[in-house]
Amino acid sequence: MKPTLFVLAAGMGSRYGGLKQLDGLGPNGETIMDYSIYDAIHAGFGKVMFVIRKDFEHDFRDKILSKYEGHIPVDVVFQSIDKLPEGFTCPADRTKPWGPAHAVIMAAGAIDEPFAVINSDDSYGRNSFEVLAEELMRPRDRKGDYCMVGFRIGNTMTENGGVNRGVCQTKEGLLTSVEECKDIAYNDKYEIVYKDAEGNEHRLDAKTPVSMNMWGFTPDYFDYGVRGFSKFLSEKINVPKSPADT
């Protein structure tokens, strides 16, 4: 069974100043998503699902989905702040989306095969999709067997400012933790550094694995994701912004 590519495209683009998912940057107006989807199709993915917001559905269907008709099955699901697990109600003053953990569970009931999750505004490269497709098509004999494509941080840096990355810890080939580190940048010695919450500077080796939010799941993840998000809501539903929102 070919896996599905699930693209997180509901972001508000507040830092960018617009819906960068819809902005063309290629010679013929291609978006970053177009390049990712092209690579995914050639890597063996058989379907593309997008999570978007209802308020820009018309533009998204016109500018994005129309490109793929006749090439690969595509569909959308919608993320809204009031679509929460049973027993929870969105706070009246909540305006920001809940973040990627919430976005992924919007596809519960719409995806029945192994699937990859990517950001709409990150470029991953064809080899990443090939590695992930091969892993997702591998037979599994147990639930909860998920994966993530890691990247060497030195290959994800820019000289135009700091970046936020999920710094990964692994043991015997298994991912044990992902810590979000913000404003990672080069210092005057061209070392890769970031500061923790106390202002202490830390150096990262260029080969340090980081997450670019490229994950692989099987459909049983949706039950796990709903339980995890429900736990988050029970503890922090009234917190204005938390790590799960980013």
Foldseek 3Di string as FASTA:
>chain_A
DAAEEEEEQAAQCPVVPHRLLQAADDPVRDGLLNVVVVLLVVLGHAEYEYEHAPVCVVVCCVRPVVVCVPPHHYYYFYFDQQPAPPPDGADPPADAGQADLRRVLSCQVVGQAKYKYAYSHDHDDNVQSNVQRVVRPDDDDDAPDKWADWDQQLVVADQPWFAWWFFFDDDPPHTDGTHIFTGFHADPVRFTWGADPVRDIDTDDSRGITGNRIMIHHSVVSVVSSVVVVVVCVPDSPPRDDPSSD
